[in-house]
Full PDB file with SEQRES, HELIX, SHEET, SSBOND, CRYST1, ORIGX, SCALE, CONECT and MASTER records, all heavy atoms in Angstrom:
SEQRES   1 A   30  VAL ALA PRO VAL VAL ALA LYS GLY ARG PRO ILE ILE ALA          
SEQRES   2 A   30  HIS GLY GLN LEU LYS THR ASN GLU TYR VAL SER ASP ASN          
SEQRES   3 A   30  GLY GLU ARG ARG                                              
CRYST1    1.000    1.000    1.000  90.00  90.00  90.00 P 1           1          
ORIGX1      1.000000  0.000000  0.000000        0.00000                         
ORIGX2      0.000000  1.000000  0.000000        0.00000                         
ORIGX3      0.000000  0.000000  1.000000        0.00000                         
SCALE1      1.000000  0.000000  0.000000        0.00000                         
SCALE2      0.000000  1.000000  0.000000        0.00000                         
SCALE3      0.000000  0.000000  1.000000        0.00000                         
ATOM      1  N   VAL A   1      52.098  80.703  57.277  1.00  0.00           N  
ATOM      2  CA  VAL A   1      53.172  79.713  57.202  1.00  0.00           C  
ATOM      3  C   VAL A   1      54.508  80.359  56.819  1.00  0.00           C  
ATOM      4  O   VAL A   1      55.550  80.015  57.379  1.00  0.00           O  
ATOM      5  CB  VAL A   1      52.804  78.593  56.202  1.00  0.00           C  
ATOM      6  CG1 VAL A   1      53.984  77.688  55.915  1.00  0.00           C  
ATOM      7  CG2 VAL A   1      51.631  77.786  56.740  1.00  0.00           C  
ATOM      8  N   ALA A   2      54.484  81.295  55.891  1.00  0.00           N  
ATOM      9  CA  ALA A   2      55.730  81.863  55.347  1.00  0.00           C  
ATOM     10  C   ALA A   2      56.698  82.383  56.406  1.00  0.00           C  
ATOM     11  O   ALA A   2      57.890  82.077  56.343  1.00  0.00           O  
ATOM     12  CB  ALA A   2      55.406  82.956  54.325  1.00  0.00           C  
ATOM     13  N   PRO A   3      56.260  83.138  57.407  1.00  0.00           N  
ATOM     14  CA  PRO A   3      57.233  83.657  58.369  1.00  0.00           C  
ATOM     15  C   PRO A   3      57.635  82.669  59.470  1.00  0.00           C  
ATOM     16  O   PRO A   3      58.546  82.941  60.241  1.00  0.00           O  
ATOM     17  CB  PRO A   3      56.521  84.865  58.979  1.00  0.00           C  
ATOM     18  CG  PRO A   3      55.083  84.560  58.852  1.00  0.00           C  
ATOM     19  CD  PRO A   3      54.937  83.753  57.595  1.00  0.00           C  
ATOM     20  N   VAL A   4      56.978  81.526  59.567  1.00  0.00           N  
ATOM     21  CA  VAL A   4      57.191  80.614  60.689  1.00  0.00           C  
ATOM     22  C   VAL A   4      57.969  79.362  60.306  1.00  0.00           C  
ATOM     23  O   VAL A   4      58.860  78.932  61.030  1.00  0.00           O  
ATOM     24  CB  VAL A   4      55.825  80.218  61.319  1.00  0.00           C  
ATOM     25  CG1 VAL A   4      56.003  79.178  62.390  1.00  0.00           C  
ATOM     26  CG2 VAL A   4      55.132  81.451  61.875  1.00  0.00           C  
ATOM     27  N   VAL A   5      57.646  78.770  59.176  1.00  0.00           N  
ATOM     28  CA  VAL A   5      58.289  77.514  58.773  1.00  0.00           C  
ATOM     29  C   VAL A   5      59.660  77.808  58.174  1.00  0.00           C  
ATOM     30  O   VAL A   5      59.808  78.703  57.345  1.00  0.00           O  
ATOM     31  CB  VAL A   5      57.412  76.745  57.761  1.00  0.00           C  
ATOM     32  CG1 VAL A   5      58.154  75.547  57.196  1.00  0.00           C  
ATOM     33  CG2 VAL A   5      56.119  76.306  58.421  1.00  0.00           C  
ATOM     34  N   ALA A   6      60.655  77.059  58.623  1.00  0.00           N  
ATOM     35  CA  ALA A   6      62.013  77.169  58.085  1.00  0.00           C  
ATOM     36  C   ALA A   6      62.690  75.806  58.238  1.00  0.00           C  
ATOM     37  O   ALA A   6      62.295  74.997  59.080  1.00  0.00           O  
ATOM     38  CB  ALA A   6      62.810  78.247  58.819  1.00  0.00           C  
ATOM     39  N   LYS A   7      63.702  75.583  57.442  1.00  0.00           N  
ATOM     40  CA  LYS A   7      64.451  74.325  57.478  1.00  0.00           C  
ATOM     41  C   LYS A   7      64.916  74.045  58.910  1.00  0.00           C  
ATOM     42  O   LYS A   7      65.460  74.913  59.576  1.00  0.00           O  
ATOM     43  CB  LYS A   7      65.648  74.417  56.537  1.00  0.00           C  
ATOM     44  CG  LYS A   7      66.445  73.137  56.435  1.00  0.00           C  
ATOM     45  CD  LYS A   7      67.575  73.299  55.438  1.00  0.00           C  
ATOM     46  CE  LYS A   7      68.382  72.022  55.324  1.00  0.00           C  
ATOM     47  NZ  LYS A   7      69.445  72.156  54.324  1.00  0.00           N  
ATOM     48  N   GLY A   8      64.667  72.808  59.369  1.00  0.00           N  
ATOM     49  CA  GLY A   8      65.095  72.394  60.698  1.00  0.00           C  
ATOM     50  C   GLY A   8      64.067  72.595  61.794  1.00  0.00           C  
ATOM     51  O   GLY A   8      64.242  72.104  62.903  1.00  0.00           O  
ATOM     52  N   ARG A   9      62.973  73.283  61.506  1.00  0.00           N  
ATOM     53  CA  ARG A   9      61.968  73.543  62.532  1.00  0.00           C  
ATOM     54  C   ARG A   9      60.996  72.372  62.665  1.00  0.00           C  
ATOM     55  O   ARG A   9      60.666  71.701  61.693  1.00  0.00           O  
ATOM     56  CB  ARG A   9      61.192  74.814  62.204  1.00  0.00           C  
ATOM     57  CG  ARG A   9      62.091  76.025  62.190  1.00  0.00           C  
ATOM     58  CD  ARG A   9      61.486  77.188  62.885  1.00  0.00           C  
ATOM     59  NE  ARG A   9      62.437  78.283  62.896  1.00  0.00           N  
ATOM     60  CZ  ARG A   9      62.222  79.454  62.319  1.00  0.00           C  
ATOM     61  NH1 ARG A   9      61.074  79.697  61.713  1.00  0.00           N  
ATOM     62  NH2 ARG A   9      63.131  80.399  62.375  1.00  0.00           N  
ATOM     63  N   PRO A  10      60.510  72.132  63.898  1.00  0.00           N  
ATOM     64  CA  PRO A  10      59.530  71.056  64.131  1.00  0.00           C  
ATOM     65  C   PRO A  10      58.153  71.480  63.642  1.00  0.00           C  
ATOM     66  O   PRO A  10      57.654  72.537  64.010  1.00  0.00           O  
ATOM     67  CB  PRO A  10      59.562  70.884  65.655  1.00  0.00           C  
ATOM     68  CG  PRO A  10      59.975  72.226  66.175  1.00  0.00           C  
ATOM     69  CD  PRO A  10      60.896  72.814  65.136  1.00  0.00           C  
ATOM     70  N   ILE A  11      57.535  70.649  62.809  1.00  0.00           N  
ATOM     71  CA  ILE A  11      56.296  71.013  62.116  1.00  0.00           C  
ATOM     72  C   ILE A  11      55.196  69.992  62.386  1.00  0.00           C  
ATOM     73  O   ILE A  11      55.460  68.797  62.458  1.00  0.00           O  
ATOM     74  CB  ILE A  11      56.538  71.071  60.584  1.00  0.00           C  
ATOM     75  CG1 ILE A  11      57.638  72.063  60.238  1.00  0.00           C  
ATOM     76  CG2 ILE A  11      55.265  71.369  59.811  1.00  0.00           C  
ATOM     77  CD1 ILE A  11      57.332  73.489  60.580  1.00  0.00           C  
ATOM     78  N   ILE A  12      53.966  70.491  62.486  1.00  0.00           N  
ATOM     79  CA  ILE A  12      52.770  69.650  62.435  1.00  0.00           C  
ATOM     80  C   ILE A  12      51.963  70.149  61.239  1.00  0.00           C  
ATOM     81  O   ILE A  12      51.667  71.342  61.154  1.00  0.00           O  
ATOM     82  CB  ILE A  12      51.918  69.763  63.710  1.00  0.00           C  
ATOM     83  CG1 ILE A  12      52.701  69.294  64.935  1.00  0.00           C  
ATOM     84  CG2 ILE A  12      50.626  68.965  63.561  1.00  0.00           C  
ATOM     85  CD1 ILE A  12      51.968  69.460  66.242  1.00  0.00           C  
ATOM     86  N   ALA A  13      51.650  69.253  60.315  1.00  0.00           N  
ATOM     87  CA  ALA A  13      50.881  69.619  59.127  1.00  0.00           C  
ATOM     88  C   ALA A  13      49.672  68.695  58.999  1.00  0.00           C  
ATOM     89  O   ALA A  13      49.777  67.488  59.209  1.00  0.00           O  
ATOM     90  CB  ALA A  13      51.752  69.524  57.876  1.00  0.00           C  
ATOM     91  N   HIS A  14      48.528  69.284  58.665  1.00  0.00           N  
ATOM     92  CA  HIS A  14      47.296  68.511  58.479  1.00  0.00           C  
ATOM     93  C   HIS A  14      46.731  68.870  57.111  1.00  0.00           C  
ATOM     94  O   HIS A  14      46.702  70.039  56.730  1.00  0.00           O  
ATOM     95  CB  HIS A  14      46.276  68.854  59.564  1.00  0.00           C  
ATOM     96  CG  HIS A  14      44.985  68.131  59.383  1.00  0.00           C  
ATOM     97  ND1 HIS A  14      44.812  66.822  59.775  1.00  0.00           N  
ATOM     98  CD2 HIS A  14      43.816  68.514  58.810  1.00  0.00           C  
ATOM     99  CE1 HIS A  14      43.580  66.443  59.474  1.00  0.00           C  
ATOM    100  NE2 HIS A  14      42.969  67.450  58.892  1.00  0.00           N  
ATOM    101  N   GLY A  15      46.302  67.852  56.376  1.00  0.00           N  
ATOM    102  CA  GLY A  15      45.726  68.135  55.075  1.00  0.00           C  
ATOM    103  C   GLY A  15      45.435  66.878  54.291  1.00  0.00           C  
ATOM    104  O   GLY A  15      45.470  65.763  54.813  1.00  0.00           O  
ATOM    105  N   GLN A  16      45.165  67.081  53.016  1.00  0.00           N  
ATOM    106  CA  GLN A  16      44.788  66.000  52.104  1.00  0.00           C  
ATOM    107  C   GLN A  16      46.032  65.443  51.422  1.00  0.00           C  
ATOM    108  O   GLN A  16      46.832  66.182  50.862  1.00  0.00           O  
ATOM    109  CB  GLN A  16      43.833  66.533  51.047  1.00  0.00           C  
ATOM    110  CG  GLN A  16      43.393  65.494  50.055  1.00  0.00           C  
ATOM    111  CD  GLN A  16      42.501  66.089  48.978  1.00  0.00           C  
ATOM    112  OE1 GLN A  16      42.139  67.250  49.009  1.00  0.00           O  
ATOM    113  NE2 GLN A  16      42.152  65.270  48.011  1.00  0.00           N  
ATOM    114  N   LEU A  17      46.199  64.125  51.488  1.00  0.00           N  
ATOM    115  CA  LEU A  17      47.343  63.458  50.862  1.00  0.00           C  
ATOM    116  C   LEU A  17      47.001  62.971  49.466  1.00  0.00           C  
ATOM    117  O   LEU A  17      45.879  62.543  49.206  1.00  0.00           O  
ATOM    118  CB  LEU A  17      47.769  62.237  51.679  1.00  0.00           C  
ATOM    119  CG  LEU A  17      48.571  62.468  52.931  1.00  0.00           C  
ATOM    120  CD1 LEU A  17      48.881  61.128  53.598  1.00  0.00           C  
ATOM    121  CD2 LEU A  17      49.848  63.214  52.648  1.00  0.00           C  
ATOM    122  N   LYS A  18      48.003  63.039  48.602  1.00  0.00           N  
ATOM    123  CA  LYS A  18      47.860  62.451  47.267  1.00  0.00           C  
ATOM    124  C   LYS A  18      49.241  62.062  46.766  1.00  0.00           C  
ATOM    125  O   LYS A  18      50.255  62.561  47.248  1.00  0.00           O  
ATOM    126  CB  LYS A  18      47.182  63.406  46.300  1.00  0.00           C  
ATOM    127  CG  LYS A  18      47.991  64.631  45.972  1.00  0.00           C  
ATOM    128  CD  LYS A  18      47.284  65.511  44.972  1.00  0.00           C  
ATOM    129  CE  LYS A  18      48.146  66.735  44.659  1.00  0.00           C  
ATOM    130  NZ  LYS A  18      47.524  67.596  43.667  1.00  0.00           N  
ATOM    131  N   THR A  19      49.276  61.161  45.809  1.00  0.00           N  
ATOM    132  CA  THR A  19      50.518  60.737  45.186  1.00  0.00           C  
ATOM    133  C   THR A  19      50.613  61.389  43.822  1.00  0.00           C  
ATOM    134  O   THR A  19      49.671  61.343  43.026  1.00  0.00           O  
ATOM    135  CB  THR A  19      50.542  59.202  45.022  1.00  0.00           C  
ATOM    136  OG1 THR A  19      50.390  58.608  46.310  1.00  0.00           O  
ATOM    137  CG2 THR A  19      51.842  58.736  44.403  1.00  0.00           C  
ATOM    138  N   ASN A  20      51.741  62.029  43.553  1.00  0.00           N  
ATOM    139  CA  ASN A  20      52.010  62.594  42.227  1.00  0.00           C  
ATOM    140  C   ASN A  20      52.896  61.625  41.470  1.00  0.00           C  
ATOM    141  O   ASN A  20      53.957  61.247  41.962  1.00  0.00           O  
ATOM    142  CB  ASN A  20      52.739  63.942  42.343  1.00  0.00           C  
ATOM    143  CG  ASN A  20      51.851  65.017  42.898  1.00  0.00           C  
ATOM    144  OD1 ASN A  20      50.668  65.064  42.610  1.00  0.00           O  
ATOM    145  ND2 ASN A  20      52.424  65.881  43.717  1.00  0.00           N  
ATOM    146  N   GLU A  21      52.462  61.224  40.302  1.00  0.00           N  
ATOM    147  CA  GLU A  21      53.264  60.350  39.453  1.00  0.00           C  
ATOM    148  C   GLU A  21      53.773  61.154  38.274  1.00  0.00           C  
ATOM    149  O   GLU A  21      53.043  61.966  37.709  1.00  0.00           O  
ATOM    150  CB  GLU A  21      52.433  59.160  38.992  1.00  0.00           C  
ATOM    151  CG  GLU A  21      52.005  58.277  40.143  1.00  0.00           C  
ATOM    152  CD  GLU A  21      51.179  57.082  39.709  1.00  0.00           C  
ATOM    153  OE1 GLU A  21      50.859  56.969  38.511  1.00  0.00           O  
ATOM    154  OE2 GLU A  21      50.866  56.260  40.577  1.00  0.00           O  
ATOM    155  N   TYR A  22      55.047  60.929  37.929  1.00  0.00           N  
ATOM    156  CA  TYR A  22      55.649  61.684  36.836  1.00  0.00           C  
ATOM    157  C   TYR A  22      56.785  60.876  36.228  1.00  0.00           C  
ATOM    158  O   TYR A  22      57.205  59.857  36.773  1.00  0.00           O  
ATOM    159  CB  TYR A  22      56.147  63.046  37.330  1.00  0.00           C  
ATOM    160  CG  TYR A  22      57.213  62.958  38.404  1.00  0.00           C  
ATOM    161  CD1 TYR A  22      58.555  63.041  38.086  1.00  0.00           C  
ATOM    162  CD2 TYR A  22      56.859  62.793  39.752  1.00  0.00           C  
ATOM    163  CE1 TYR A  22      59.539  62.951  39.063  1.00  0.00           C  
ATOM    164  CE2 TYR A  22      57.824  62.709  40.741  1.00  0.00           C  
ATOM    165  CZ  TYR A  22      59.162  62.796  40.387  1.00  0.00           C  
ATOM    166  OH  TYR A  22      60.120  62.710  41.361  1.00  0.00           O  
ATOM    167  N   VAL A  23      57.290  61.358  35.096  1.00  0.00           N  
ATOM    168  CA  VAL A  23      58.439  60.742  34.434  1.00  0.00           C  
ATOM    169  C   VAL A  23      59.611  61.693  34.599  1.00  0.00           C  
ATOM    170  O   VAL A  23      59.512  62.872  34.274  1.00  0.00           O  
ATOM    171  CB  VAL A  23      58.147  60.475  32.937  1.00  0.00           C  
ATOM    172  CG1 VAL A  23      59.370  59.915  32.240  1.00  0.00           C  
ATOM    173  CG2 VAL A  23      56.956  59.553  32.779  1.00  0.00           C  
ATOM    174  N   SER A  24      60.725  61.185  35.137  1.00  0.00           N  
ATOM    175  CA  SER A  24      61.897  62.018  35.385  1.00  0.00           C  
ATOM    176  C   SER A  24      62.577  62.387  34.062  1.00  0.00           C  
ATOM    177  O   SER A  24      62.238  61.861  32.998  1.00  0.00           O  
ATOM    178  CB  SER A  24      62.883  61.298  36.301  1.00  0.00           C  
ATOM    179  OG  SER A  24      63.442  60.192  35.624  1.00  0.00           O  
ATOM    180  N   ASP A  25      63.558  63.273  34.161  1.00  0.00           N  
ATOM    181  CA  ASP A  25      64.299  63.708  32.972  1.00  0.00           C  
ATOM    182  C   ASP A  25      64.990  62.557  32.250  1.00  0.00           C  
ATOM    183  O   ASP A  25      65.165  62.593  31.035  1.00  0.00           O  
ATOM    184  CB  ASP A  25      65.341  64.762  33.345  1.00  0.00           C  
ATOM    185  CG  ASP A  25      64.703  66.064  33.800  1.00  0.00           C  
ATOM    186  OD1 ASP A  25      63.526  66.308  33.447  1.00  0.00           O  
ATOM    187  OD2 ASP A  25      65.378  66.836  34.510  1.00  0.00           O  
ATOM    188  N   ASN A  26      65.368  61.511  33.002  1.00  0.00           N  
ATOM    189  CA  ASN A  26      66.039  60.368  32.365  1.00  0.00           C  
ATOM    190  C   ASN A  26      65.054  59.256  31.997  1.00  0.00           C  
ATOM    191  O   ASN A  26      65.467  58.146  31.711  1.00  0.00           O  
ATOM    192  CB  ASN A  26      67.174  59.829  33.246  1.00  0.00           C  
ATOM    193  CG  ASN A  26      66.681  59.338  34.590  1.00  0.00           C  
ATOM    194  OD1 ASN A  26      65.498  59.414  34.883  1.00  0.00           O  
ATOM    195  ND2 ASN A  26      67.600  58.844  35.405  1.00  0.00           N  
ATOM    196  N   GLY A  27      63.749  59.545  32.003  1.00  0.00           N  
ATOM    197  CA  GLY A  27      62.748  58.604  31.532  1.00  0.00           C  
ATOM    198  C   GLY A  27      62.199  57.630  32.562  1.00  0.00           C  
ATOM    199  O   GLY A  27      61.383  56.778  32.230  1.00  0.00           O  
ATOM    200  N   GLU A  28      62.621  57.734  33.808  1.00  0.00           N  
ATOM    201  CA  GLU A  28      62.126  56.830  34.853  1.00  0.00           C  
ATOM    202  C   GLU A  28      60.771  57.315  35.376  1.00  0.00           C  
ATOM    203  O   GLU A  28      60.560  58.500  35.567  1.00  0.00           O  
ATOM    204  CB  GLU A  28      63.103  56.793  36.037  1.00  0.00           C  
ATOM    205  CG  GLU A  28      64.431  56.152  35.754  1.00  0.00           C  
ATOM    206  CD  GLU A  28      65.302  56.172  37.005  1.00  0.00           C  
ATOM    207  OE1 GLU A  28      64.790  55.836  38.095  1.00  0.00           O  
ATOM    208  OE2 GLU A  28      66.472  56.534  36.883  1.00  0.00           O  
ATOM    209  N   ARG A  29      59.881  56.348  35.608  1.00  0.00           N  
ATOM    210  CA  ARG A  29      58.596  56.670  36.234  1.00  0.00           C  
ATOM    211  C   ARG A  29      58.835  56.810  37.732  1.00  0.00           C  
ATOM    212  O   ARG A  29      59.456  55.956  38.354  1.00  0.00           O  
ATOM    213  CB  ARG A  29      57.554  55.598  35.969  1.00  0.00           C  
ATOM    214  CG  ARG A  29      57.117  55.531  34.515  1.00  0.00           C  
ATOM    215  CD  ARG A  29      56.015  54.515  34.281  1.00  0.00           C  
ATOM    216  NE  ARG A  29      54.902  54.592  35.216  1.00  0.00           N  
ATOM    217  CZ  ARG A  29      53.849  55.415  35.106  1.00  0.00           C  
ATOM    218  NH1 ARG A  29      53.794  56.248  34.088  1.00  0.00           N  
ATOM    219  NH2 ARG A  29      52.878  55.396  35.986  1.00  0.00           N  
ATOM    220  N   ARG A  30      58.366  57.915  38.304  1.00  0.00           N  
ATOM    221  CA  ARG A  30      58.554  58.174  39.731  1.00  0.00           C  
ATOM    222  C   ARG A  30      57.248  58.660  40.336  1.00  0.00           C  
ATOM    223  O   ARG A  30      56.320  59.028  39.633  1.00  0.00           O  
ATOM    224  CB  ARG A  30      59.631  59.232  39.957  1.00  0.00           C  
ATOM    225  CG  ARG A  30      60.991  58.774  39.527  1.00  0.00           C  
ATOM    226  CD  ARG A  30      62.031  59.719  39.993  1.00  0.00           C  
ATOM    227  NE  ARG A  30      63.353  59.217  39.650  1.00  0.00           N  
ATOM    228  CZ  ARG A  30      64.452  59.772  40.055  1.00  0.00           C  
ATOM    229  NH1 ARG A  30      64.416  60.842  40.803  1.00  0.00           N  
ATOM    230  NH2 ARG A  30      65.604  59.261  39.711  1.00  0.00           N  
TER     231      ARG A  30                                                      
MASTER        0    0    0    0    0    0    0    6  230    1    0    3          
END                                                                             
C-alpha cells in the first residue's frame, strides 16, 4: 500500500469496519 496510495488517487479497500468512540480535547463525545 505504501508506494501506491496517495492523496487524490482512486482506491478500493476491503476489510472489517468498526466505530471508534472517543472524547475530543474540548470534552465532546465523538
